[in-house]
């Protein structure tokens, strides 16, 4: 069964927004602060927070994982799901309005476009966190979420995820021929249930991309 839920806006983490924008929260200028606050005011109440998800069994044979509707030999995902017999596969989006604002200000005000990019990144990550916290509140022990395109997990698997979750109909999330999602501020991911080590409090510490510009 595929579940769908609309969420209220998660609590905003301003430090994360500014970090995504490459701005030091401790040294933000008055001009930057005013611009950031204006962006927050403009986007307020314009975003939607939607998630669809399903719970699936996973079978392992050496380095091959079988979810029933897709198979993969991703070594990184195998490691992430070690000891897991079930997974949650989900898709989340905050809607198209943030994309419209980014496009509008790309030429009018690149600085505002950058802040809207950062706000969108923080908003979708916060939505994913709220969703995972809700699952943990139901007593599920979760592994760190793992998305197609990360590590050696092929981005091509997005097609299978979109098909099984019925993302366009459930939450209005589409995938084009280049495997880009619309709305752009969206996430699909696989979360292992059980299997020992739980989802890290610091997501950056669980990520192997040590050269990421957003690493905390």
C-alpha atoms as a PDB file:
ATOM      1  CA  UNK A   1       0.000   0.000   0.000  1.00  0.00           C
ATOM      2  CA  UNK A   2       1.251   3.474  -0.883  1.00  0.00           C
ATOM      3  CA  UNK A   3       0.545   6.106   1.759  1.00  0.00           C
ATOM      4  CA  UNK A   4       0.279   9.839   1.171  1.00  0.00           C
ATOM      5  CA  UNK A   5       0.387  12.690   3.657  1.00  0.00           C
ATOM      6  CA  UNK A   6       0.366  16.489   3.625  1.00  0.00           C
ATOM      7  CA  UNK A   7       2.384  18.090   6.423  1.00  0.00           C
ATOM      8  CA  UNK A   8       2.301  21.527   8.010  1.00  0.00           C
ATOM      9  CA  UNK A   9       5.410  23.628   7.447  1.00  0.00           C
ATOM     10  CA  UNK A  10       8.300  22.239   9.531  1.00  0.00           C
ATOM     11  CA  UNK A  11      10.080  24.587  11.904  1.00  0.00           C
ATOM     12  CA  UNK A  12      12.575  26.671   9.950  1.00  0.00           C
ATOM     13  CA  UNK A  13      16.284  26.185  10.656  1.00  0.00           C
ATOM     14  CA  UNK A  14      17.746  29.560   9.684  1.00  0.00           C
ATOM     15  CA  UNK A  15      21.326  28.432  10.300  1.00  0.00           C
ATOM     16  CA  UNK A  16      20.882  25.642   7.743  1.00  0.00           C
ATOM     17  CA  UNK A  17      19.366  28.042   5.207  1.00  0.00           C
ATOM     18  CA  UNK A  18      22.300  30.397   5.547  1.00  0.00           C
ATOM     19  CA  UNK A  19      24.775  27.523   5.422  1.00  0.00           C
ATOM     20  CA  UNK A  20      23.246  26.324   2.146  1.00  0.00           C
ATOM     21  CA  UNK A  21      23.584  29.887   0.858  1.00  0.00           C
ATOM     22  CA  UNK A  22      27.283  29.939   1.800  1.00  0.00           C
ATOM     23  CA  UNK A  23      26.687  32.668   4.403  1.00  0.00           C
ATOM     24  CA  UNK A  24      28.200  32.531   7.885  1.00  0.00           C
ATOM     25  CA  UNK A  25      25.318  33.068  10.345  1.00  0.00           C
ATOM     26  CA  UNK A  26      27.765  34.671  12.770  1.00  0.00           C
ATOM     27  CA  UNK A  27      28.983  37.272  10.271  1.00  0.00           C
ATOM     28  CA  UNK A  28      25.901  37.999   8.175  1.00  0.00           C
ATOM     29  CA  UNK A  29      25.728  41.642   7.112  1.00  0.00           C
ATOM     30  CA  UNK A  30      22.713  43.859   7.716  1.00  0.00           C
ATOM     31  CA  UNK A  31      22.089  43.957   3.951  1.00  0.00           C
ATOM     32  CA  UNK A  32      22.203  40.151   3.678  1.00  0.00           C
ATOM     33  CA  UNK A  33      19.959  39.808   6.725  1.00  0.00           C
ATOM     34  CA  UNK A  34      17.365  42.158   5.235  1.00  0.00           C
ATOM     35  CA  UNK A  35      17.448  40.319   1.894  1.00  0.00           C
ATOM     36  CA  UNK A  36      17.127  36.930   3.578  1.00  0.00           C
ATOM     37  CA  UNK A  37      14.201  38.118   5.703  1.00  0.00           C
ATOM     38  CA  UNK A  38      12.489  39.503   2.591  1.00  0.00           C
ATOM     39  CA  UNK A  39      12.854  36.110   0.878  1.00  0.00           C
ATOM     40  CA  UNK A  40      11.386  34.325   3.886  1.00  0.00           C
ATOM     41  CA  UNK A  41       8.437  36.713   3.913  1.00  0.00           C
ATOM     42  CA  UNK A  42       7.853  36.276   0.171  1.00  0.00           C
ATOM     43  CA  UNK A  43       7.834  32.481   0.313  1.00  0.00           C
ATOM     44  CA  UNK A  44       5.762  32.226   3.510  1.00  0.00           C
ATOM     45  CA  UNK A  45       2.597  30.139   3.096  1.00  0.00           C
ATOM     46  CA  UNK A  46       3.417  29.422  -0.564  1.00  0.00           C
ATOM     47  CA  UNK A  47       4.990  25.986  -0.116  1.00  0.00           C
ATOM     48  CA  UNK A  48       3.285  22.619   0.176  1.00  0.00           C
ATOM     49  CA  UNK A  49       4.777  19.678   2.055  1.00  0.00           C
ATOM     50  CA  UNK A  50       3.830  16.288   0.610  1.00  0.00           C
ATOM     51  CA  UNK A  51       5.185  12.780   1.101  1.00  0.00           C
ATOM     52  CA  UNK A  52       4.216   9.405  -0.345  1.00  0.00           C
ATOM     53  CA  UNK A  53       5.771   6.155   0.790  1.00  0.00           C
ATOM     54  CA  UNK A  54       5.518   2.395   0.949  1.00  0.00           C
ATOM     55  CA  UNK A  55       7.035  -0.394   3.034  1.00  0.00           C
ATOM     56  CA  UNK A  56       8.780  -3.152   1.079  1.00  0.00           C
ATOM     57  CA  UNK A  57      10.694  -6.365   1.851  1.00  0.00           C
ATOM     58  CA  UNK A  58      14.313  -6.581   0.745  1.00  0.00           C
ATOM     59  CA  UNK A  59      16.170  -9.806  -0.018  1.00  0.00           C
ATOM     60  CA  UNK A  60      19.952 -10.020  -0.229  1.00  0.00           C
ATOM     61  CA  UNK A  61      22.053 -12.460  -2.231  1.00  0.00           C
ATOM     62  CA  UNK A  62      25.733 -11.587  -1.870  1.00  0.00           C
ATOM     63  CA  UNK A  63      25.925  -8.001  -3.188  1.00  0.00           C
ATOM     64  CA  UNK A  64      22.548  -8.051  -4.922  1.00  0.00           C
ATOM     65  CA  UNK A  65      19.468  -6.453  -3.351  1.00  0.00           C
ATOM     66  CA  UNK A  66      15.978  -7.403  -4.491  1.00  0.00           C
ATOM     67  CA  UNK A  67      13.030  -5.178  -3.531  1.00  0.00           C
ATOM     68  CA  UNK A  68      10.538  -7.100  -5.653  1.00  0.00           C
ATOM     69  CA  UNK A  69       9.975  -4.273  -8.127  1.00  0.00           C
ATOM     70  CA  UNK A  70      13.683  -3.497  -8.649  1.00  0.00           C
ATOM     71  CA  UNK A  71      17.081  -5.082  -8.158  1.00  0.00           C
ATOM     72  CA  UNK A  72      20.477  -3.444  -7.636  1.00  0.00           C
ATOM     73  CA  UNK A  73      24.036  -4.522  -6.963  1.00  0.00           C
ATOM     74  CA  UNK A  74      25.001  -1.214  -5.310  1.00  0.00           C
ATOM     75  CA  UNK A  75      27.717  -2.006  -2.774  1.00  0.00           C
ATOM     76  CA  UNK A  76      27.086   1.240  -0.906  1.00  0.00           C
ATOM     77  CA  UNK A  77      23.374   0.501  -0.495  1.00  0.00           C
ATOM     78  CA  UNK A  78      24.151  -3.089   0.509  1.00  0.00           C
ATOM     79  CA  UNK A  79      26.356  -1.733   3.285  1.00  0.00           C
ATOM     80  CA  UNK A  80      23.725   0.791   4.325  1.00  0.00           C
ATOM     81  CA  UNK A  81      21.016  -1.893   4.528  1.00  0.00           C
ATOM     82  CA  UNK A  82      23.115  -4.564   6.224  1.00  0.00           C
ATOM     83  CA  UNK A  83      20.869  -6.606   8.512  1.00  0.00           C
ATOM     84  CA  UNK A  84      17.644  -5.047   7.181  1.00  0.00           C
ATOM     85  CA  UNK A  85      14.765  -7.180   5.935  1.00  0.00           C
ATOM     86  CA  UNK A  86      12.418  -4.285   5.152  1.00  0.00           C
ATOM     87  CA  UNK A  87      12.716  -0.753   3.848  1.00  0.00           C
ATOM     88  CA  UNK A  88      10.658   2.396   3.572  1.00  0.00           C
ATOM     89  CA  UNK A  89      10.838   3.951   0.102  1.00  0.00           C
ATOM     90  CA  UNK A  90       9.495   7.491  -0.050  1.00  0.00           C
ATOM     91  CA  UNK A  91       9.222  10.608  -2.171  1.00  0.00           C
ATOM     92  CA  UNK A  92       8.842  14.124  -0.771  1.00  0.00           C
ATOM     93  CA  UNK A  93       8.313  17.530  -2.350  1.00  0.00           C
ATOM     94  CA  UNK A  94       7.658  21.129  -1.323  1.00  0.00           C
ATOM     95  CA  UNK A  95       5.893  22.113  -4.549  1.00  0.00           C
ATOM     96  CA  UNK A  96       6.568  24.295  -7.584  1.00  0.00           C
ATOM     97  CA  UNK A  97       6.360  27.776  -6.050  1.00  0.00           C
ATOM     98  CA  UNK A  98      10.007  27.785  -4.924  1.00  0.00           C
ATOM     99  CA  UNK A  99      11.053  26.923  -8.497  1.00  0.00           C
ATOM    100  CA  UNK A 100       9.008  29.838  -9.814  1.00  0.00           C
ATOM    101  CA  UNK A 101      10.678  32.223  -7.364  1.00  0.00           C
ATOM    102  CA  UNK A 102      14.154  30.977  -8.252  1.00  0.00           C
ATOM    103  CA  UNK A 103      13.456  31.432 -11.969  1.00  0.00           C
ATOM    104  CA  UNK A 104      11.948  34.885 -11.432  1.00  0.00           C
ATOM    105  CA  UNK A 105      14.920  36.221  -9.499  1.00  0.00           C
ATOM    106  CA  UNK A 106      17.755  34.514 -11.396  1.00  0.00           C
ATOM    107  CA  UNK A 107      18.052  37.628 -13.586  1.00  0.00           C
ATOM    108  CA  UNK A 108      16.238  40.202 -11.423  1.00  0.00           C
ATOM    109  CA  UNK A 109      18.269  39.541  -8.265  1.00  0.00           C
ATOM    110  CA  UNK A 110      20.793  36.666  -8.265  1.00  0.00           C
ATOM    111  CA  UNK A 111      21.328  37.165  -4.543  1.00  0.00           C
ATOM    112  CA  UNK A 112      17.642  36.564  -3.859  1.00  0.00           C
ATOM    113  CA  UNK A 113      17.667  33.565  -6.207  1.00  0.00           C
ATOM    114  CA  UNK A 114      20.542  32.121  -4.151  1.00  0.00           C
ATOM    115  CA  UNK A 115      18.608  32.602  -0.920  1.00  0.00           C
ATOM    116  CA  UNK A 116      15.529  30.956  -2.429  1.00  0.00           C
ATOM    117  CA  UNK A 117      17.696  28.020  -3.527  1.00  0.00           C
ATOM    118  CA  UNK A 118      18.986  27.716   0.037  1.00  0.00           C
ATOM    119  CA  UNK A 119      15.531  28.053   1.590  1.00  0.00           C
ATOM    120  CA  UNK A 120      14.237  25.353  -0.743  1.00  0.00           C
ATOM    121  CA  UNK A 121      17.100  23.018   0.189  1.00  0.00           C
ATOM    122  CA  UNK A 122      16.465  23.519   3.908  1.00  0.00           C
ATOM    123  CA  UNK A 123      12.699  23.125   3.527  1.00  0.00           C
ATOM    124  CA  UNK A 124      12.860  19.773   1.694  1.00  0.00           C
ATOM    125  CA  UNK A 125      15.473  18.413   4.108  1.00  0.00           C
ATOM    126  CA  UNK A 126      13.354  19.508   7.070  1.00  0.00           C
ATOM    127  CA  UNK A 127      10.329  17.774   5.539  1.00  0.00           C
ATOM    128  CA  UNK A 128      12.345  14.560   5.176  1.00  0.00           C
ATOM    129  CA  UNK A 129      13.494  14.883   8.793  1.00  0.00           C
ATOM    130  CA  UNK A 130       9.912  15.352  10.025  1.00  0.00           C
ATOM    131  CA  UNK A 131       8.814  12.296   8.054  1.00  0.00           C
ATOM    132  CA  UNK A 132      11.643  10.167   9.471  1.00  0.00           C
ATOM    133  CA  UNK A 133      10.979  11.418  13.006  1.00  0.00           C
ATOM    134  CA  UNK A 134       7.344  10.391  12.592  1.00  0.00           C
ATOM    135  CA  UNK A 135       8.398   6.873  11.564  1.00  0.00           C
ATOM    136  CA  UNK A 136      10.760   6.647  14.531  1.00  0.00           C
ATOM    137  CA  UNK A 137       7.918   7.829  16.755  1.00  0.00           C
ATOM    138  CA  UNK A 138       5.996   4.751  15.594  1.00  0.00           C
ATOM    139  CA  UNK A 139       8.789   2.597  17.008  1.00  0.00           C
ATOM    140  CA  UNK A 140      10.736   1.940  13.807  1.00  0.00           C
ATOM    141  CA  UNK A 141      14.519   1.747  13.986  1.00  0.00           C
ATOM    142  CA  UNK A 142      15.789   3.483  10.851  1.00  0.00           C
ATOM    143  CA  UNK A 143      19.023   3.489   8.893  1.00  0.00           C
ATOM    144  CA  UNK A 144      20.266   6.688   7.181  1.00  0.00           C
ATOM    145  CA  UNK A 145      18.219   7.531   4.094  1.00  0.00           C
ATOM    146  CA  UNK A 146      19.867   6.704   0.774  1.00  0.00           C
ATOM    147  CA  UNK A 147      18.843   8.270  -2.547  1.00  0.00           C
ATOM    148  CA  UNK A 148      19.219   7.115  -6.169  1.00  0.00           C
ATOM    149  CA  UNK A 149      22.265   8.812  -7.681  1.00  0.00           C
ATOM    150  CA  UNK A 150      24.223   8.736  -4.424  1.00  0.00           C
ATOM    151  CA  UNK A 151      27.398   6.635  -4.336  1.00  0.00           C
ATOM    152  CA  UNK A 152      27.137   3.738  -6.763  1.00  0.00           C
ATOM    153  CA  UNK A 153      23.328   3.565  -6.664  1.00  0.00           C
ATOM    154  CA  UNK A 154      22.243   4.397 -10.252  1.00  0.00           C
ATOM    155  CA  UNK A 155      20.085   7.460 -10.779  1.00  0.00           C
ATOM    156  CA  UNK A 156      18.240   5.344 -13.357  1.00  0.00           C
ATOM    157  CA  UNK A 157      16.457   3.635 -10.432  1.00  0.00           C
ATOM    158  CA  UNK A 158      14.358   6.783 -10.084  1.00  0.00           C
ATOM    159  CA  UNK A 159      12.125   5.358 -12.811  1.00  0.00           C
ATOM    160  CA  UNK A 160      11.324   2.299 -10.668  1.00  0.00           C
ATOM    161  CA  UNK A 161      10.758   4.396  -7.556  1.00  0.00           C
ATOM    162  CA  UNK A 162       8.404   6.775  -9.376  1.00  0.00           C
ATOM    163  CA  UNK A 163       6.515   3.862 -10.876  1.00  0.00           C
ATOM    164  CA  UNK A 164       5.971   1.935  -7.652  1.00  0.00           C
ATOM    165  CA  UNK A 165       5.077   5.033  -5.608  1.00  0.00           C
ATOM    166  CA  UNK A 166       2.955   6.560  -8.395  1.00  0.00           C
ATOM    167  CA  UNK A 167       4.555   9.931  -7.583  1.00  0.00           C
ATOM    168  CA  UNK A 168       2.794  12.034 -10.255  1.00  0.00           C
ATOM    169  CA  UNK A 169      -0.666  11.039  -9.090  1.00  0.00           C
ATOM    170  CA  UNK A 170       0.086  10.860  -5.374  1.00  0.00           C
ATOM    171  CA  UNK A 171       2.031  14.081  -4.809  1.00  0.00           C
ATOM    172  CA  UNK A 172       2.346  15.787  -8.211  1.00  0.00           C
ATOM    173  CA  UNK A 173       6.035  14.874  -8.573  1.00  0.00           C
ATOM    174  CA  UNK A 174       7.239  14.076 -12.093  1.00  0.00           C
ATOM    175  CA  UNK A 175      10.436  12.800 -13.694  1.00  0.00           C
ATOM    176  CA  UNK A 176      11.679  13.878 -17.104  1.00  0.00           C
ATOM    177  CA  UNK A 177      13.762  11.935 -19.627  1.00  0.00           C
ATOM    178  CA  UNK A 178      16.959  13.341 -18.102  1.00  0.00           C
ATOM    179  CA  UNK A 179      15.864  11.939 -14.704  1.00  0.00           C
ATOM    180  CA  UNK A 180      15.371  15.420 -13.266  1.00  0.00           C
ATOM    181  CA  UNK A 181      12.494  15.826 -10.826  1.00  0.00           C
ATOM    182  CA  UNK A 182       9.842  18.539 -10.989  1.00  0.00           C
ATOM    183  CA  UNK A 183       9.367  20.261  -8.575  1.00  0.00           C
ATOM    184  CA  UNK A 184      13.160  20.412  -8.226  1.00  0.00           C
ATOM    185  CA  UNK A 185      13.121  20.687  -4.429  1.00  0.00           C
ATOM    186  CA  UNK A 186      12.111  17.072  -3.993  1.00  0.00           C
ATOM    187  CA  UNK A 187      13.707  13.916  -2.630  1.00  0.00           C
ATOM    188  CA  UNK A 188      13.322  10.189  -3.160  1.00  0.00           C
ATOM    189  CA  UNK A 189      15.081   7.809  -0.803  1.00  0.00           C
ATOM    190  CA  UNK A 190      15.338   4.320   0.631  1.00  0.00           C
ATOM    191  CA  UNK A 191      15.422   3.872   4.407  1.00  0.00           C
ATOM    192  CA  UNK A 192      16.362   0.547   5.968  1.00  0.00           C
ATOM    193  CA  UNK A 193      14.291  -0.657   8.923  1.00  0.00           C
ATOM    194  CA  UNK A 194      16.290  -2.222  11.769  1.00  0.00           C
ATOM    195  CA  UNK A 195      19.696  -3.731  11.179  1.00  0.00           C
ATOM    196  CA  UNK A 196      21.654  -2.199  14.042  1.00  0.00           C
ATOM    197  CA  UNK A 197      23.119   1.298  13.658  1.00  0.00           C
ATOM    198  CA  UNK A 198      20.359   3.890  13.446  1.00  0.00           C
ATOM    199  CA  UNK A 199      19.972   7.089  11.477  1.00  0.00           C
ATOM    200  CA  UNK A 200      22.746   9.486  12.415  1.00  0.00           C
ATOM    201  CA  UNK A 201      21.834  12.676  14.252  1.00  0.00           C
ATOM    202  CA  UNK A 202      24.381  14.529  12.101  1.00  0.00           C
ATOM    203  CA  UNK A 203      23.514  13.606   8.508  1.00  0.00           C
ATOM    204  CA  UNK A 204      26.877  14.918   7.308  1.00  0.00           C
ATOM    205  CA  UNK A 205      28.754  12.447   9.497  1.00  0.00           C
ATOM    206  CA  UNK A 206      26.875   9.583   7.837  1.00  0.00           C
ATOM    207  CA  UNK A 207      27.692  10.823   4.329  1.00  0.00           C
ATOM    208  CA  UNK A 208      30.791   9.586   2.500  1.00  0.00           C
ATOM    209  CA  UNK A 209      31.103  12.741   0.365  1.00  0.00           C
ATOM    210  CA  UNK A 210      33.780  14.413   2.461  1.00  0.00           C
ATOM    211  CA  UNK A 211      34.406  17.189  -0.102  1.00  0.00           C
ATOM    212  CA  UNK A 212      30.801  18.458  -0.102  1.00  0.00           C
ATOM    213  CA  UNK A 213      30.533  22.251   0.126  1.00  0.00           C
ATOM    214  CA  UNK A 214      27.557  21.890   2.505  1.00  0.00           C
ATOM    215  CA  UNK A 215      29.285  19.493   4.917  1.00  0.00           C
ATOM    216  CA  UNK A 216      28.745  20.498   8.526  1.00  0.00           C
END
